[in-house]
C-alpha atoms as a PDB file:
ATOM      1  CA  MET A   1       0.000   0.000   0.000  1.00  0.00           C
ATOM      2  CA  ASN A   2       1.473   3.357  -0.977  1.00  0.00           C
ATOM      3  CA  TRP A   3       1.313   6.551   1.132  1.00  0.00           C
ATOM      4  CA  PRO A   4      -1.807   8.095  -0.520  1.00  0.00           C
ATOM      5  CA  GLN A   5      -3.694   4.799  -0.201  1.00  0.00           C
ATOM      6  CA  LEU A   6      -2.661   4.470   3.439  1.00  0.00           C
ATOM      7  CA  ALA A   7      -3.734   8.059   4.182  1.00  0.00           C
ATOM      8  CA  GLN A   8      -7.110   7.472   2.499  1.00  0.00           C
ATOM      9  CA  THR A   9      -7.666   4.225   4.410  1.00  0.00           C
ATOM     10  CA  TYR A  10      -6.776   5.898   7.710  1.00  0.00           C
ATOM     11  CA  HIS A  11      -9.069   8.893   7.139  1.00  0.00           C
ATOM     12  CA  SER A  12     -11.934   6.690   5.960  1.00  0.00           C
ATOM     13  CA  TYR A  13     -11.644   4.705   9.185  1.00  0.00           C
ATOM     14  CA  VAL A  14     -11.298   7.548  11.712  1.00  0.00           C
ATOM     15  CA  GLU A  15     -13.984   9.679  10.068  1.00  0.00           C
ATOM     16  CA  ASN A  16     -16.523   6.831   9.997  1.00  0.00           C
ATOM     17  CA  ILE A  17     -18.896   6.879  12.981  1.00  0.00           C
ATOM     18  CA  GLN A  18     -18.819   3.368  14.428  1.00  0.00           C
ATOM     19  CA  VAL A  19     -21.125   3.644  17.456  1.00  0.00           C
ATOM     20  CA  VAL A  20     -24.593   5.033  18.087  1.00  0.00           C
ATOM     21  CA  CYS A  21     -24.090   8.385  19.814  1.00  0.00           C
ATOM     22  CA  HIS A  22     -26.843  10.613  21.167  1.00  0.00           C
ATOM     23  CA  THR A  23     -24.653  13.576  22.178  1.00  0.00           C
ATOM     24  CA  MET A  24     -22.181  14.636  19.507  1.00  0.00           C
ATOM     25  CA  VAL A  25     -19.932  17.553  20.488  1.00  0.00           C
ATOM     26  CA  ARG A  26     -17.690  19.543  18.163  1.00  0.00           C
ATOM     27  CA  LEU A  27     -14.266  20.179  19.663  1.00  0.00           C
ATOM     28  CA  GLY A  28     -11.957  22.550  17.816  1.00  0.00           C
ATOM     29  CA  ASN A  29     -12.374  24.675  14.711  1.00  0.00           C
ATOM     30  CA  LEU A  30     -14.972  23.854  12.081  1.00  0.00           C
ATOM     31  CA  ASN A  31     -12.286  23.380   9.473  1.00  0.00           C
ATOM     32  CA  ASP A  32      -9.290  21.070   9.645  1.00  0.00           C
ATOM     33  CA  GLY A  33      -8.521  21.635  13.344  1.00  0.00           C
ATOM     34  CA  GLY A  34     -11.576  20.044  14.926  1.00  0.00           C
ATOM     35  CA  TRP A  35     -13.370  16.748  15.392  1.00  0.00           C
ATOM     36  CA  GLU A  36     -16.876  15.601  16.235  1.00  0.00           C
ATOM     37  CA  THR A  37     -16.710  13.583  19.441  1.00  0.00           C
ATOM     38  CA  CYS A  38     -19.241  11.448  21.281  1.00  0.00           C
ATOM     39  CA  SER A  39     -20.021  12.785  24.735  1.00  0.00           C
ATOM     40  CA  ASP A  40     -22.411  10.032  25.823  1.00  0.00           C
ATOM     41  CA  PRO A  41     -21.472   8.808  29.330  1.00  0.00           C
ATOM     42  CA  ALA A  42     -20.284   5.432  28.003  1.00  0.00           C
ATOM     43  CA  TYR A  43     -17.726   7.061  25.672  1.00  0.00           C
ATOM     44  CA  ARG A  44     -16.865  10.333  27.402  1.00  0.00           C
ATOM     45  CA  PRO A  45     -13.333  10.466  28.871  1.00  0.00           C
ATOM     46  CA  ARG A  46     -13.252  10.363  32.671  1.00  0.00           C
ATOM     47  CA  LYS A  47     -10.662  12.069  34.853  1.00  0.00           C
ATOM     48  CA  PRO A  48      -7.842  11.385  35.074  1.00  0.00           C
ATOM     49  CA  CYS A  49      -7.560  11.141  31.303  1.00  0.00           C
ATOM     50  CA  ILE A  50      -4.946  11.676  28.623  1.00  0.00           C
ATOM     51  CA  ILE A  51      -5.620  12.499  24.972  1.00  0.00           C
ATOM     52  CA  TYR A  52      -2.924  12.099  22.317  1.00  0.00           C
ATOM     53  CA  SER A  53      -3.440  14.524  19.425  1.00  0.00           C
ATOM     54  CA  PHE A  54      -1.477  13.983  16.199  1.00  0.00           C
ATOM     55  CA  GLY A  55      -1.016  16.197  13.145  1.00  0.00           C
ATOM     56  CA  ILE A  56      -1.992  19.498  14.731  1.00  0.00           C
ATOM     57  CA  ASN A  57      -0.241  21.761  12.188  1.00  0.00           C
ATOM     58  CA  ASN A  58      -0.112  24.626  14.727  1.00  0.00           C
ATOM     59  CA  ASP A  59      -3.892  24.456  15.308  1.00  0.00           C
ATOM     60  CA  PHE A  60      -4.441  23.622  18.972  1.00  0.00           C
ATOM     61  CA  SER A  61      -8.201  24.315  18.919  1.00  0.00           C
ATOM     62  CA  PHE A  62      -9.198  20.646  19.369  1.00  0.00           C
ATOM     63  CA  ASP A  63      -6.587  20.175  22.079  1.00  0.00           C
ATOM     64  CA  ASP A  64      -7.675  23.320  23.940  1.00  0.00           C
ATOM     65  CA  ASP A  65     -11.382  22.458  23.734  1.00  0.00           C
ATOM     66  CA  ALA A  66     -10.796  18.846  24.830  1.00  0.00           C
ATOM     67  CA  SER A  67      -8.799  20.056  27.818  1.00  0.00           C
ATOM     68  CA  ARG A  68     -11.525  22.535  28.831  1.00  0.00           C
ATOM     69  CA  PHE A  69     -14.500  20.272  28.084  1.00  0.00           C
ATOM     70  CA  TYR A  70     -13.208  16.990  29.519  1.00  0.00           C
ATOM     71  CA  GLY A  71     -10.423  18.168  31.844  1.00  0.00           C
ATOM     72  CA  CYS A  72      -7.942  15.800  30.193  1.00  0.00           C
ATOM     73  CA  HIS A  73      -4.200  16.254  29.918  1.00  0.00           C
ATOM     74  CA  ILE A  74      -3.368  16.656  26.221  1.00  0.00           C
ATOM     75  CA  HIS A  75      -0.192  15.516  24.444  1.00  0.00           C
ATOM     76  CA  SER A  76       0.064  17.245  21.050  1.00  0.00           C
ATOM     77  CA  PHE A  77       2.327  15.935  18.295  1.00  0.00           C
ATOM     78  CA  ASP A  78       3.069  17.041  14.777  1.00  0.00           C
ATOM     79  CA  PRO A  79       5.074  14.184  13.266  1.00  0.00           C
END
């Protein structure tokens, strides 16, 4: 599998909703910097929690919102 195929496979997987969620919450910017997350009690991070955020490209909006909303410690990486 070449790099473009791998990137497409990865994005198809992570952007595909795989559980029934009743409370979707947008964390981060509406453009490239944010993600829709499930905030149902079964899936919501509980303190103490750590979130690893990859590929931030100097946009910390998801990381900042996740820290405020869930109270998690965030590790941001830009490989």
